[in-house]
């Protein structure tokens, strides 16, 4: 498969040019495919997981099972406020102000962590959302601090079908929530099955007019 060769070549090239790479992994299907490719070349690469406190139980169980299987270097990123403290202060932000909730529990912890890296691998794909339609395999990410790093998306032009084909060939298990009809999986309170089968992310923040949590927006849009 040409796309597999291209993706692996991009991974190898980007790693060769990097001093401090990392990979943000939500343990969705595309992320597991990228994880597998990265571990083949650099088994000690830090795997950053945004532990918001609101994930499905299945996500935590799958994350831990994959870590036991592959022994990768898992780095759990958490907000400065615990889930309970946030709810005591602000109530259920995921209902009243999901953008602020994402900012506190995802954007701020990740951007703080990324300060220490020069290359950021992602599992982003163009097919995932209209906001990602122009995704490039190599981009520059600029953090609010001004820190710049390369952002590498090896599966930028893959379809979900191709992702699952890769997992099948490599005998990699996938998150069980897919078998329940979920196609894009984030925090449990803000994730539903797709409203539009042709739009995998249409079940995210349903009814809130929101497509991104904020970590993948270009600085001009953030």
N, C-alpha and C. Protein backbone atom coordinates (compact mmCIF):
# COMPACT_ATOMS: atom_id res chain seq x y z
N UNK A 1 0.85 -1.20 0.00
CA UNK A 1 0.00 0.00 0.00
C UNK A 1 0.88 1.24 0.00
N UNK A 2 0.76 2.05 -1.03
CA UNK A 2 1.61 3.23 -1.18
C UNK A 2 1.47 4.20 -0.02
N UNK A 3 0.26 4.35 0.50
CA UNK A 3 0.07 5.30 1.59
C UNK A 3 0.80 4.86 2.85
N UNK A 4 0.87 3.57 3.07
CA UNK A 4 1.61 3.07 4.23
C UNK A 4 3.09 3.40 4.07
N UNK A 5 3.63 3.15 2.90
CA UNK A 5 5.05 3.45 2.65
C UNK A 5 5.32 4.93 2.82
N UNK A 6 4.42 5.76 2.29
CA UNK A 6 4.61 7.21 2.39
C UNK A 6 4.54 7.68 3.83
N UNK A 7 3.58 7.14 4.58
CA UNK A 7 3.42 7.54 5.98
C UNK A 7 4.65 7.13 6.80
N UNK A 8 5.12 5.91 6.58
CA UNK A 8 6.30 5.44 7.33
C UNK A 8 7.55 6.23 6.94
N UNK A 9 7.66 6.60 5.68
CA UNK A 9 8.81 7.39 5.24
C UNK A 9 8.78 8.77 5.90
N UNK A 10 7.58 9.34 6.00
CA UNK A 10 7.44 10.65 6.65
C UNK A 10 7.81 10.56 8.13
N UNK A 11 7.37 9.50 8.79
CA UNK A 11 7.70 9.29 10.20
C UNK A 11 9.21 9.19 10.38
N UNK A 12 9.86 8.37 9.55
CA UNK A 12 11.31 8.18 9.67
C UNK A 12 12.07 9.47 9.41
N UNK A 13 11.65 10.20 8.38
CA UNK A 13 12.34 11.44 8.03
C UNK A 13 12.18 12.48 9.14
N UNK A 14 10.95 12.61 9.64
CA UNK A 14 10.69 13.61 10.69
C UNK A 14 11.44 13.27 11.98
N UNK A 15 11.49 12.00 12.33
CA UNK A 15 12.22 11.60 13.53
C UNK A 15 13.72 11.84 13.37
N UNK A 16 14.24 11.60 12.19
CA UNK A 16 15.66 11.79 11.94
C UNK A 16 16.06 13.26 12.09
N UNK A 17 15.12 14.15 11.84
CA UNK A 17 15.40 15.59 11.90
C UNK A 17 15.02 16.21 13.24
N UNK A 18 14.56 15.40 14.16
CA UNK A 18 14.05 15.91 15.43
C UNK A 18 14.98 15.59 16.58
N UNK A 19 15.06 16.52 17.53
CA UNK A 19 15.81 16.30 18.76
C UNK A 19 14.89 15.84 19.89
N UNK A 20 13.71 16.43 19.95
CA UNK A 20 12.76 16.14 21.04
C UNK A 20 11.34 15.97 20.48
N UNK A 21 11.03 14.82 19.91
CA UNK A 21 9.69 14.60 19.35
C UNK A 21 8.72 14.09 20.41
N UNK A 22 7.45 14.25 20.12
CA UNK A 22 6.40 13.67 20.95
C UNK A 22 5.20 13.34 20.07
N UNK A 23 4.27 12.60 20.62
CA UNK A 23 3.06 12.22 19.89
C UNK A 23 1.86 12.38 20.81
N UNK A 24 0.86 13.15 20.38
CA UNK A 24 -0.39 13.26 21.14
C UNK A 24 -1.33 12.16 20.69
N UNK A 25 -1.76 11.35 21.64
CA UNK A 25 -2.53 10.15 21.31
C UNK A 25 -3.82 10.09 22.12
N UNK A 26 -4.95 10.03 21.42
CA UNK A 26 -6.25 9.88 22.08
C UNK A 26 -6.69 8.42 22.10
N UNK A 27 -5.91 7.58 21.43
CA UNK A 27 -6.17 6.15 21.30
C UNK A 27 -7.38 5.84 20.43
N UNK A 28 -7.73 6.78 19.56
CA UNK A 28 -8.65 6.46 18.48
C UNK A 28 -7.88 5.70 17.41
N UNK A 29 -8.59 5.18 16.42
CA UNK A 29 -7.99 4.25 15.47
C UNK A 29 -6.78 4.84 14.74
N UNK A 30 -6.91 6.06 14.24
CA UNK A 30 -5.80 6.65 13.49
C UNK A 30 -4.59 6.90 14.39
N UNK A 31 -4.86 7.25 15.63
CA UNK A 31 -3.75 7.47 16.55
C UNK A 31 -2.99 6.18 16.84
N UNK A 32 -3.71 5.08 16.92
CA UNK A 32 -3.05 3.79 17.18
C UNK A 32 -2.20 3.38 15.99
N UNK A 33 -2.66 3.70 14.79
CA UNK A 33 -1.86 3.41 13.60
C UNK A 33 -0.56 4.21 13.62
N UNK A 34 -0.65 5.50 13.93
CA UNK A 34 0.55 6.32 14.01
C UNK A 34 1.44 5.86 15.16
N UNK A 35 0.84 5.52 16.27
CA UNK A 35 1.59 5.01 17.42
C UNK A 35 2.43 3.80 17.02
N UNK A 36 1.83 2.89 16.29
CA UNK A 36 2.53 1.68 15.85
C UNK A 36 3.72 2.03 14.96
N UNK A 37 3.51 2.96 14.03
CA UNK A 37 4.60 3.38 13.14
C UNK A 37 5.73 4.03 13.91
N UNK A 38 5.38 4.88 14.88
CA UNK A 38 6.41 5.58 15.65
C UNK A 38 7.22 4.62 16.52
N UNK A 39 6.54 3.68 17.15
CA UNK A 39 7.23 2.76 18.05
C UNK A 39 8.19 1.84 17.30
N UNK A 40 7.91 1.60 16.02
CA UNK A 40 8.82 0.79 15.22
C UNK A 40 10.18 1.47 15.06
N UNK A 41 10.16 2.81 15.05
CA UNK A 41 11.39 3.58 14.80
C UNK A 41 11.99 4.13 16.10
N UNK A 42 11.11 4.61 16.98
CA UNK A 42 11.58 5.24 18.22
C UNK A 42 10.72 4.77 19.39
N UNK A 43 11.06 3.63 19.98
CA UNK A 43 10.24 3.04 21.04
C UNK A 43 10.09 3.91 22.29
N UNK A 44 11.03 4.86 22.48
CA UNK A 44 10.99 5.67 23.70
C UNK A 44 10.34 7.04 23.50
N UNK A 45 9.69 7.27 22.37
CA UNK A 45 9.06 8.56 22.13
C UNK A 45 7.96 8.81 23.17
N UNK A 46 7.88 10.00 23.76
CA UNK A 46 6.82 10.29 24.72
C UNK A 46 5.44 10.29 24.05
N UNK A 47 4.51 9.56 24.65
CA UNK A 47 3.14 9.47 24.15
C UNK A 47 2.26 10.30 25.08
N UNK A 48 1.82 11.46 24.61
CA UNK A 48 1.07 12.39 25.44
C UNK A 48 -0.43 12.11 25.35
N UNK A 49 -1.04 11.85 26.49
CA UNK A 49 -2.48 11.58 26.57
C UNK A 49 -3.13 12.66 27.41
N UNK A 50 -4.12 13.34 26.85
CA UNK A 50 -4.83 14.39 27.58
C UNK A 50 -5.88 13.75 28.49
N UNK A 51 -5.51 13.59 29.75
CA UNK A 51 -6.40 12.94 30.71
C UNK A 51 -7.33 14.00 31.31
N UNK A 52 -8.44 14.23 30.63
CA UNK A 52 -9.37 15.29 31.04
C UNK A 52 -10.19 14.93 32.27
N UNK A 53 -10.25 13.65 32.59
CA UNK A 53 -11.11 13.20 33.67
C UNK A 53 -12.52 12.89 33.22
N UNK A 54 -12.79 13.13 31.94
CA UNK A 54 -14.14 12.93 31.42
C UNK A 54 -14.19 11.85 30.34
N UNK A 55 -13.14 11.09 30.16
CA UNK A 55 -13.14 10.08 29.11
C UNK A 55 -14.07 8.90 29.45
N UNK A 56 -14.49 8.20 28.41
CA UNK A 56 -15.23 6.97 28.60
C UNK A 56 -14.38 5.97 29.38
N UNK A 57 -14.97 5.14 30.22
CA UNK A 57 -14.19 4.10 30.90
C UNK A 57 -13.47 3.19 29.92
N UNK A 58 -14.10 2.96 28.76
CA UNK A 58 -13.50 2.10 27.75
C UNK A 58 -12.17 2.67 27.23
N UNK A 59 -12.09 4.01 27.18
CA UNK A 59 -10.87 4.64 26.69
C UNK A 59 -9.71 4.41 27.67
N UNK A 60 -9.99 4.60 28.95
CA UNK A 60 -8.94 4.37 29.95
C UNK A 60 -8.49 2.90 29.95
N UNK A 61 -9.44 1.99 29.85
CA UNK A 61 -9.11 0.56 29.86
C UNK A 61 -8.28 0.19 28.63
N UNK A 62 -8.66 0.73 27.49
CA UNK A 62 -7.93 0.44 26.24
C UNK A 62 -6.54 1.06 26.27
N UNK A 63 -6.45 2.30 26.74
CA UNK A 63 -5.13 2.95 26.88
C UNK A 63 -4.19 2.09 27.72
N UNK A 64 -4.68 1.63 28.86
CA UNK A 64 -3.84 0.85 29.76
C UNK A 64 -3.46 -0.51 29.16
N UNK A 65 -4.41 -1.11 28.44
CA UNK A 65 -4.12 -2.40 27.80
C UNK A 65 -3.06 -2.25 26.72
N UNK A 66 -3.14 -1.17 25.95
CA UNK A 66 -2.14 -0.93 24.91
C UNK A 66 -0.78 -0.61 25.52
N UNK A 67 -0.77 0.11 26.63
CA UNK A 67 0.50 0.43 27.28
C UNK A 67 1.17 -0.84 27.81
N UNK A 68 0.36 -1.73 28.36
CA UNK A 68 0.93 -2.99 28.85
C UNK A 68 1.47 -3.82 27.70
N UNK A 69 0.79 -3.79 26.57
CA UNK A 69 1.22 -4.60 25.42
C UNK A 69 2.51 -4.09 24.81
N UNK A 70 2.62 -2.76 24.66
CA UNK A 70 3.76 -2.21 23.93
C UNK A 70 4.80 -1.56 24.83
N UNK A 71 4.46 -1.28 26.07
CA UNK A 71 5.43 -0.72 26.99
C UNK A 71 5.92 0.67 26.63
N UNK A 72 5.09 1.45 25.95
CA UNK A 72 5.53 2.78 25.53
C UNK A 72 5.56 3.76 26.71
N UNK A 73 6.18 4.87 26.46
CA UNK A 73 6.39 5.91 27.49
C UNK A 73 5.16 6.82 27.55
N UNK A 74 4.21 6.46 28.38
CA UNK A 74 2.95 7.20 28.48
C UNK A 74 3.10 8.39 29.41
N UNK A 75 2.69 9.55 28.91
CA UNK A 75 2.70 10.78 29.71
C UNK A 75 1.27 11.30 29.79
N UNK A 76 0.66 11.20 30.96
CA UNK A 76 -0.71 11.67 31.15
C UNK A 76 -0.70 13.15 31.51
N UNK A 77 -1.32 13.97 30.68
CA UNK A 77 -1.38 15.41 30.92
C UNK A 77 -2.72 15.75 31.55
N UNK A 78 -2.67 16.50 32.64
CA UNK A 78 -3.89 16.85 33.35
C UNK A 78 -3.95 18.35 33.59
N UNK A 79 -5.18 18.84 33.73
CA UNK A 79 -5.39 20.26 34.01
C UNK A 79 -4.94 20.59 35.43
N UNK A 80 -4.68 21.86 35.69
CA UNK A 80 -4.29 22.27 37.04
C UNK A 80 -5.43 22.08 38.03
N UNK A 81 -6.66 22.17 37.54
CA UNK A 81 -7.84 21.91 38.36
C UNK A 81 -8.30 20.47 38.17
N UNK A 82 -8.59 19.78 39.23
CA UNK A 82 -9.19 18.46 39.09
C UNK A 82 -10.60 18.62 38.53
N UNK A 83 -11.14 17.54 38.04
CA UNK A 83 -12.51 17.56 37.53
C UNK A 83 -13.48 18.04 38.62
N UNK A 84 -13.29 17.54 39.84
CA UNK A 84 -14.19 17.88 40.95
C UNK A 84 -14.07 19.35 41.32
N UNK A 85 -12.84 19.87 41.36
CA UNK A 85 -12.63 21.27 41.70
C UNK A 85 -13.22 22.18 40.62
N UNK A 86 -13.05 21.81 39.38
CA UNK A 86 -13.63 22.61 38.29
C UNK A 86 -15.15 22.67 38.41
N UNK A 87 -15.76 21.55 38.70
CA UNK A 87 -17.22 21.53 38.80
C UNK A 87 -17.71 22.28 40.03
N UNK A 88 -16.92 22.28 41.11
CA UNK A 88 -17.30 23.06 42.28
C UNK A 88 -17.26 24.55 41.97
N UNK A 89 -16.26 24.96 41.19
CA UNK A 89 -16.11 26.38 40.87
C UNK A 89 -17.07 26.86 39.80
N UNK A 90 -17.20 26.07 38.75
CA UNK A 90 -17.88 26.55 37.55
C UNK A 90 -19.12 25.75 37.15
N UNK A 91 -19.40 24.67 37.87
CA UNK A 91 -20.49 23.81 37.44
C UNK A 91 -20.04 22.93 36.28
N UNK A 92 -21.00 22.43 35.54
CA UNK A 92 -20.68 21.54 34.41
C UNK A 92 -20.37 22.38 33.16
N UNK A 93 -19.13 22.78 33.06
CA UNK A 93 -18.73 23.63 31.94
C UNK A 93 -18.97 22.97 30.59
N UNK A 94 -18.88 21.64 30.54
CA UNK A 94 -19.11 20.96 29.26
C UNK A 94 -20.53 21.19 28.75
N UNK A 95 -21.44 21.58 29.63
CA UNK A 95 -22.80 21.92 29.22
C UNK A 95 -22.97 23.42 28.97
N UNK A 96 -22.43 24.22 29.87
CA UNK A 96 -22.64 25.66 29.80
C UNK A 96 -21.66 26.39 28.88
N UNK A 97 -20.42 25.92 28.85
CA UNK A 97 -19.39 26.59 28.06
C UNK A 97 -18.32 25.57 27.66
N UNK A 98 -18.64 24.70 26.68
CA UNK A 98 -17.70 23.63 26.31
C UNK A 98 -16.35 24.14 25.81
N UNK A 99 -16.33 25.32 25.19
CA UNK A 99 -15.06 25.87 24.71
C UNK A 99 -14.13 26.17 25.88
N UNK A 100 -14.69 26.73 26.95
CA UNK A 100 -13.87 27.00 28.13
C UNK A 100 -13.42 25.71 28.80
N UNK A 101 -14.30 24.72 28.81
CA UNK A 101 -13.94 23.43 29.38
C UNK A 101 -12.76 22.82 28.63
N UNK A 102 -12.82 22.86 27.31
CA UNK A 102 -11.71 22.34 26.49
C UNK A 102 -10.43 23.14 26.73
N UNK A 103 -10.59 24.44 26.89
CA UNK A 103 -9.41 25.29 27.13
C UNK A 103 -8.71 24.89 28.42
N UNK A 104 -9.48 24.66 29.46
CA UNK A 104 -8.90 24.32 30.76
C UNK A 104 -8.32 22.90 30.79
N UNK A 105 -9.06 21.97 30.21
CA UNK A 105 -8.72 20.56 30.39
C UNK A 105 -7.89 19.98 29.25
N UNK A 106 -7.86 20.65 28.11
CA UNK A 106 -7.10 20.13 26.97
C UNK A 106 -6.03 21.11 26.48
N UNK A 107 -6.47 22.29 26.09
CA UNK A 107 -5.58 23.22 25.41
C UNK A 107 -4.42 23.65 26.31
N UNK A 108 -4.75 24.15 27.51
CA UNK A 108 -3.69 24.66 28.38
C UNK A 108 -2.69 23.58 28.80
N UNK A 109 -3.14 22.40 29.24
CA UNK A 109 -2.15 21.37 29.61
C UNK A 109 -1.27 20.93 28.44
N UNK A 110 -1.88 20.80 27.25
CA UNK A 110 -1.09 20.36 26.10
C UNK A 110 -0.09 21.41 25.68
N UNK A 111 -0.54 22.64 25.53
CA UNK A 111 0.38 23.68 25.07
C UNK A 111 1.53 23.88 26.05
N UNK A 112 1.27 23.73 27.33
CA UNK A 112 2.34 23.82 28.31
C UNK A 112 3.34 22.68 28.11
N UNK A 113 2.83 21.47 27.88
CA UNK A 113 3.71 20.32 27.68
C UNK A 113 4.51 20.44 26.39
N UNK A 114 3.91 20.96 25.34
CA UNK A 114 4.58 21.05 24.05
C UNK A 114 5.76 22.01 24.03
N UNK A 115 5.87 22.85 25.04
CA UNK A 115 7.00 23.77 25.12
C UNK A 115 8.34 23.02 25.11
N UNK A 116 8.33 21.78 25.58
CA UNK A 116 9.57 21.04 25.69
C UNK A 116 9.93 20.21 24.47
N UNK A 117 9.16 20.33 23.38
CA UNK A 117 9.39 19.49 22.21
C UNK A 117 9.61 20.33 20.96
N UNK A 118 10.26 19.73 19.95
CA UNK A 118 10.46 20.44 18.69
C UNK A 118 9.66 19.83 17.54
N UNK A 119 9.12 18.64 17.77
CA UNK A 119 8.32 17.97 16.74
C UNK A 119 7.09 17.33 17.40
N UNK A 120 5.95 17.56 16.81
CA UNK A 120 4.68 17.11 17.36
C UNK A 120 3.97 16.23 16.32
N UNK A 121 3.93 14.93 16.58
CA UNK A 121 3.22 14.01 15.70
C UNK A 121 1.75 13.96 16.10
N UNK A 122 0.88 13.86 15.08
CA UNK A 122 -0.56 13.76 15.32
C UNK A 122 -1.16 12.67 14.44
N UNK A 123 -2.39 12.29 14.76
CA UNK A 123 -3.14 11.35 13.93
C UNK A 123 -4.21 12.03 13.10
N UNK A 124 -4.05 13.32 12.88
CA UNK A 124 -5.05 14.08 12.12
C UNK A 124 -5.18 13.58 10.69
N UNK A 125 -6.42 13.66 10.19
CA UNK A 125 -6.71 13.29 8.80
C UNK A 125 -7.64 14.33 8.18
N UNK A 126 -7.49 14.59 6.91
CA UNK A 126 -8.33 15.56 6.22
C UNK A 126 -9.80 15.18 6.27
N UNK A 127 -10.06 13.89 6.19
CA UNK A 127 -11.43 13.40 6.11
C UNK A 127 -12.22 13.64 7.40
N UNK A 128 -11.53 13.90 8.49
CA UNK A 128 -12.20 13.96 9.78
C UNK A 128 -13.18 15.12 9.93
N UNK A 129 -12.88 16.25 9.31
CA UNK A 129 -13.69 17.44 9.56
C UNK A 129 -13.44 18.49 8.49
N UNK A 130 -14.42 19.37 8.21
CA UNK A 130 -14.19 20.48 7.28
C UNK A 130 -13.04 21.38 7.74
N UNK A 131 -12.83 21.47 9.05
CA UNK A 131 -11.74 22.30 9.57
C UNK A 131 -10.38 21.70 9.30
N UNK A 132 -10.35 20.44 8.85
CA UNK A 132 -9.09 19.77 8.58
C UNK A 132 -8.89 19.45 7.10
N UNK A 133 -9.77 19.98 6.27
CA UNK A 133 -9.77 19.63 4.85
C UNK A 133 -8.48 20.02 4.14
N UNK A 134 -7.79 21.05 4.63
CA UNK A 134 -6.56 21.52 3.99
C UNK A 134 -5.32 21.11 4.77
N UNK A 135 -5.46 20.13 5.63
CA UNK A 135 -4.34 19.65 6.44
C UNK A 135 -3.17 19.23 5.56
N UNK A 136 -1.97 19.63 5.97
CA UNK A 136 -0.75 19.24 5.26
C UNK A 136 0.04 18.24 6.11
N UNK A 137 0.82 17.38 5.47
CA UNK A 137 1.58 16.40 6.25
C UNK A 137 2.59 17.04 7.19
N UNK A 138 3.16 18.17 6.77
CA UNK A 138 4.10 18.92 7.60
C UNK A 138 3.62 20.36 7.72
N UNK A 139 3.45 20.81 8.94
CA UNK A 139 3.03 22.18 9.19
C UNK A 139 3.86 22.74 10.34
N UNK A 140 3.76 24.03 10.55
CA UNK A 140 4.40 24.65 11.71
C UNK A 140 3.32 25.02 12.71
N UNK A 141 3.51 24.62 13.94
CA UNK A 141 2.60 25.00 15.02
C UNK A 141 3.27 26.10 15.84
N UNK A 142 2.51 27.13 16.17
CA UNK A 142 3.02 28.23 16.98
C UNK A 142 2.19 28.31 18.25
N UNK A 143 2.84 28.11 19.38
CA UNK A 143 2.14 28.15 20.66
C UNK A 143 1.94 29.60 21.11
N UNK A 144 1.01 29.81 22.06
CA UNK A 144 0.78 31.19 22.53
C UNK A 144 2.04 31.87 23.04
N UNK A 145 2.99 31.09 23.53
CA UNK A 145 4.24 31.65 24.03
C UNK A 145 5.16 32.13 22.91
N UNK A 146 4.85 31.69 21.67
CA UNK A 146 5.72 31.98 20.54
C UNK A 146 6.60 30.81 20.16
N UNK A 147 6.62 29.77 21.00
CA UNK A 147 7.42 28.58 20.69
C UNK A 147 6.90 27.92 19.42
N UNK A 148 7.81 27.57 18.53
CA UNK A 148 7.45 26.98 17.25
C UNK A 148 7.95 25.53 17.20
N UNK A 149 7.14 24.68 16.63
CA UNK A 149 7.56 23.29 16.46
C UNK A 149 6.90 22.72 15.20
N UNK A 150 7.53 21.69 14.68
CA UNK A 150 6.99 21.04 13.49
C UNK A 150 5.83 20.14 13.90
N UNK A 151 4.78 20.18 13.12
CA UNK A 151 3.61 19.35 13.37
C UNK A 151 3.51 18.36 12.21
N UNK A 152 3.55 17.08 12.53
CA UNK A 152 3.63 16.03 11.51
C UNK A 152 2.39 15.15 11.59
N UNK A 153 1.69 15.02 10.48
CA UNK A 153 0.46 14.23 10.42
C UNK A 153 0.61 13.17 9.33
N UNK A 154 1.18 12.01 9.65
CA UNK A 154 1.50 11.00 8.64
C UNK A 154 0.28 10.45 7.89
N UNK A 155 -0.89 10.48 8.51
CA UNK A 155 -2.09 9.91 7.88
C UNK A 155 -3.00 10.99 7.31
N UNK A 156 -2.45 12.13 6.97
CA UNK A 156 -3.24 13.29 6.55
C UNK A 156 -4.24 12.98 5.43
N UNK A 157 -3.88 12.08 4.52
CA UNK A 157 -4.73 11.82 3.36
C UNK A 157 -5.39 10.44 3.42
N UNK A 158 -5.38 9.80 4.58
CA UNK A 158 -5.98 8.48 4.73
C UNK A 158 -7.48 8.57 5.00
N UNK A 159 -8.20 7.55 4.56
CA UNK A 159 -9.61 7.41 4.92
C UNK A 159 -9.70 6.54 6.17
N UNK A 160 -10.86 6.59 6.83
CA UNK A 160 -11.04 5.75 8.01
C UNK A 160 -10.97 4.26 7.63
N UNK A 161 -11.46 3.94 6.46
CA UNK A 161 -11.39 2.55 5.99
C UNK A 161 -9.94 2.10 5.87
N UNK A 162 -9.08 2.97 5.37
CA UNK A 162 -7.66 2.63 5.23
C UNK A 162 -6.99 2.49 6.60
N UNK A 163 -7.43 3.30 7.54
CA UNK A 163 -6.90 3.19 8.90
C UNK A 163 -7.21 1.82 9.50
N UNK A 164 -8.48 1.41 9.39
CA UNK A 164 -8.87 0.13 9.95
C UNK A 164 -8.22 -1.04 9.20
N UNK A 165 -7.96 -0.85 7.92
CA UNK A 165 -7.26 -1.89 7.15
C UNK A 165 -5.84 -2.06 7.69
N UNK A 166 -5.19 -0.95 8.02
CA UNK A 166 -3.84 -1.02 8.58
C UNK A 166 -3.86 -1.74 9.93
N UNK A 167 -4.82 -1.41 10.78
CA UNK A 167 -4.91 -2.06 12.08
C UNK A 167 -5.12 -3.57 11.91
N UNK A 168 -5.94 -3.94 10.94
CA UNK A 168 -6.21 -5.35 10.72
C UNK A 168 -4.96 -6.09 10.26
N UNK A 169 -4.22 -5.50 9.33
CA UNK A 169 -3.01 -6.13 8.82
C UNK A 169 -1.97 -6.29 9.93
N UNK A 170 -1.90 -5.30 10.81
CA UNK A 170 -0.91 -5.33 11.88
C UNK A 170 -1.42 -6.07 13.13
N UNK A 171 -2.62 -6.58 13.06
CA UNK A 171 -3.23 -7.30 14.18
C UNK A 171 -3.30 -6.42 15.43
N UNK A 172 -3.73 -5.18 15.24
CA UNK A 172 -3.86 -4.23 16.33
C UNK A 172 -5.33 -4.09 16.73
N UNK A 173 -5.65 -4.24 17.99
CA UNK A 173 -7.04 -4.06 18.41
C UNK A 173 -7.44 -2.59 18.35
N UNK A 174 -8.72 -2.34 18.22
CA UNK A 174 -9.19 -0.95 18.21
C UNK A 174 -10.13 -0.71 19.39
N UNK A 175 -10.36 0.52 19.68
CA UNK A 175 -11.21 0.92 20.79
C UNK A 175 -12.61 0.32 20.62
N UNK A 176 -13.13 -0.40 21.59
CA UNK A 176 -14.42 -1.08 21.45
C UNK A 176 -15.60 -0.15 21.16
N UNK A 177 -15.47 1.13 21.45
CA UNK A 177 -16.57 2.07 21.21
C UNK A 177 -16.93 2.17 19.73
N UNK A 178 -15.98 1.87 18.85
CA UNK A 178 -16.30 1.90 17.42
C UNK A 178 -17.40 0.90 17.09
N UNK A 179 -17.39 -0.24 17.76
CA UNK A 179 -18.40 -1.27 17.49
C UNK A 179 -19.79 -0.85 17.98
N UNK A 180 -19.84 0.19 18.79
CA UNK A 180 -21.13 0.72 19.26
C UNK A 180 -21.66 1.82 18.34
N UNK A 181 -20.88 2.18 17.32
CA UNK A 181 -21.35 3.17 16.35
C UNK A 181 -20.67 4.52 16.46
N UNK A 182 -19.75 4.68 17.39
CA UNK A 182 -19.02 5.95 17.50
C UNK A 182 -17.94 6.00 16.43
N UNK A 183 -17.74 7.19 15.85
CA UNK A 183 -16.72 7.35 14.82
C UNK A 183 -15.67 8.38 15.18
N UNK A 184 -15.98 9.25 16.13
CA UNK A 184 -15.04 10.25 16.63
C UNK A 184 -15.26 10.33 18.12
N UNK A 185 -14.23 10.03 18.90
CA UNK A 185 -14.42 9.79 20.32
C UNK A 185 -13.59 10.75 21.15
N UNK A 186 -14.28 11.59 21.91
CA UNK A 186 -13.62 12.51 22.81
C UNK A 186 -14.12 12.27 24.22
N UNK A 187 -14.30 13.34 24.98
CA UNK A 187 -14.83 13.21 26.34
C UNK A 187 -16.27 12.70 26.28
N UNK A 188 -16.62 11.85 27.23
CA UNK A 188 -17.93 11.20 27.21
C UNK A 188 -19.11 12.18 27.19
N UNK A 189 -19.10 13.26 28.00
CA UNK A 189 -20.26 14.15 28.00
C UNK A 189 -20.48 14.87 26.67
N UNK A 190 -19.42 15.00 25.87
CA UNK A 190 -19.51 15.75 24.62
C UNK A 190 -19.38 14.86 23.38
N UNK A 191 -19.57 13.56 23.56
CA UNK A 191 -19.45 12.63 22.43
C UNK A 191 -20.72 11.82 22.27
N UNK A 192 -21.29 11.87 21.08
CA UNK A 192 -22.45 11.06 20.73
C UNK A 192 -22.16 10.36 19.41
N UNK A 193 -23.00 9.45 19.04
CA UNK A 193 -22.85 8.82 17.73
C UNK A 193 -23.13 9.87 16.65
N UNK A 194 -22.51 9.76 15.49
CA UNK A 194 -22.63 10.80 14.46
C UNK A 194 -24.07 11.11 14.09
N UNK A 195 -24.38 12.40 14.02
CA UNK A 195 -25.69 12.83 13.54
C UNK A 195 -25.77 12.64 12.03
N UNK A 196 -24.63 12.78 11.36
CA UNK A 196 -24.52 12.60 9.91
C UNK A 196 -23.47 11.52 9.66
N UNK A 197 -23.86 10.36 9.14
CA UNK A 197 -22.90 9.28 8.92
C UNK A 197 -21.73 9.68 8.03
N UNK A 198 -21.90 10.70 7.20
CA UNK A 198 -20.84 11.14 6.32
C UNK A 198 -19.86 12.10 7.02
N UNK A 199 -20.21 12.52 8.23
CA UNK A 199 -19.39 13.45 8.99
C UNK A 199 -19.07 12.83 10.34
N UNK A 200 -17.92 12.16 10.48
CA UNK A 200 -17.59 11.44 11.71
C UNK A 200 -17.64 12.30 12.96
N UNK A 201 -17.33 13.59 12.83
CA UNK A 201 -17.27 14.46 14.00
C UNK A 201 -18.59 15.16 14.29
N UNK A 202 -19.65 14.79 13.58
CA UNK A 202 -20.94 15.43 13.80
C UNK A 202 -21.58 15.02 15.12
N UNK A 203 -21.00 14.02 15.79
CA UNK A 203 -21.49 13.64 17.11
C UNK A 203 -20.74 14.33 18.24
N UNK A 204 -19.76 15.15 17.90
CA UNK A 204 -18.97 15.84 18.93
C UNK A 204 -19.60 17.19 19.24
N UNK A 205 -19.76 17.49 20.51
CA UNK A 205 -20.37 18.75 20.95
C UNK A 205 -21.68 19.00 20.20
N UNK A 206 -22.48 17.97 20.05
CA UNK A 206 -23.71 18.04 19.23
C UNK A 206 -24.59 19.21 19.67
N UNK A 207 -24.98 20.00 18.69
CA UNK A 207 -25.87 21.12 18.95
C UNK A 207 -25.17 22.36 19.46
N UNK A 208 -23.85 22.30 19.65
CA UNK A 208 -23.13 23.45 20.19
C UNK A 208 -22.42 24.27 19.10
N UNK A 209 -22.52 23.82 17.84
CA UNK A 209 -21.86 24.53 16.76
C UNK A 209 -20.35 24.52 16.88
N UNK A 210 -19.79 23.46 17.44
CA UNK A 210 -18.36 23.37 17.72
C UNK A 210 -17.78 22.17 17.00
N UNK A 211 -16.63 22.35 16.33
CA UNK A 211 -16.00 21.27 15.58
C UNK A 211 -14.63 20.88 16.13
N UNK A 212 -14.00 21.77 16.87
CA UNK A 212 -12.65 21.52 17.38
C UNK A 212 -12.57 21.92 18.85
N UNK A 213 -11.70 21.22 19.58
CA UNK A 213 -11.51 21.58 20.99
C UNK A 213 -10.59 22.78 21.14
N UNK A 214 -9.76 23.04 20.13
CA UNK A 214 -8.88 24.20 20.16
C UNK A 214 -7.41 23.87 20.02
N UNK A 215 -7.03 22.61 20.24
CA UNK A 215 -5.60 22.30 20.19
C UNK A 215 -5.06 22.23 18.76
N UNK A 216 -5.94 22.07 17.79
CA UNK A 216 -5.48 21.94 16.41
C UNK A 216 -5.86 23.13 15.54
N UNK A 217 -6.31 24.21 16.16
CA UNK A 217 -6.61 25.39 15.38
C UNK A 217 -5.35 26.17 15.09
N UNK A 218 -5.28 26.74 13.88
CA UNK A 218 -4.16 27.60 13.53
C UNK A 218 -4.18 28.82 14.48
N UNK A 219 -3.01 29.32 14.88
CA UNK A 219 -3.00 30.45 15.79
C UNK A 219 -3.86 31.63 15.36
N UNK A 220 -4.00 31.87 14.05
CA UNK A 220 -4.82 32.98 13.57
C UNK A 220 -6.30 32.74 13.86
N UNK A 221 -6.65 31.45 14.02
CA UNK A 221 -8.07 31.12 14.24
C UNK A 221 -8.39 30.93 15.71
N UNK A 222 -7.34 30.68 16.50
CA UNK A 222 -7.55 30.34 17.91
C UNK A 222 -8.10 31.52 18.70
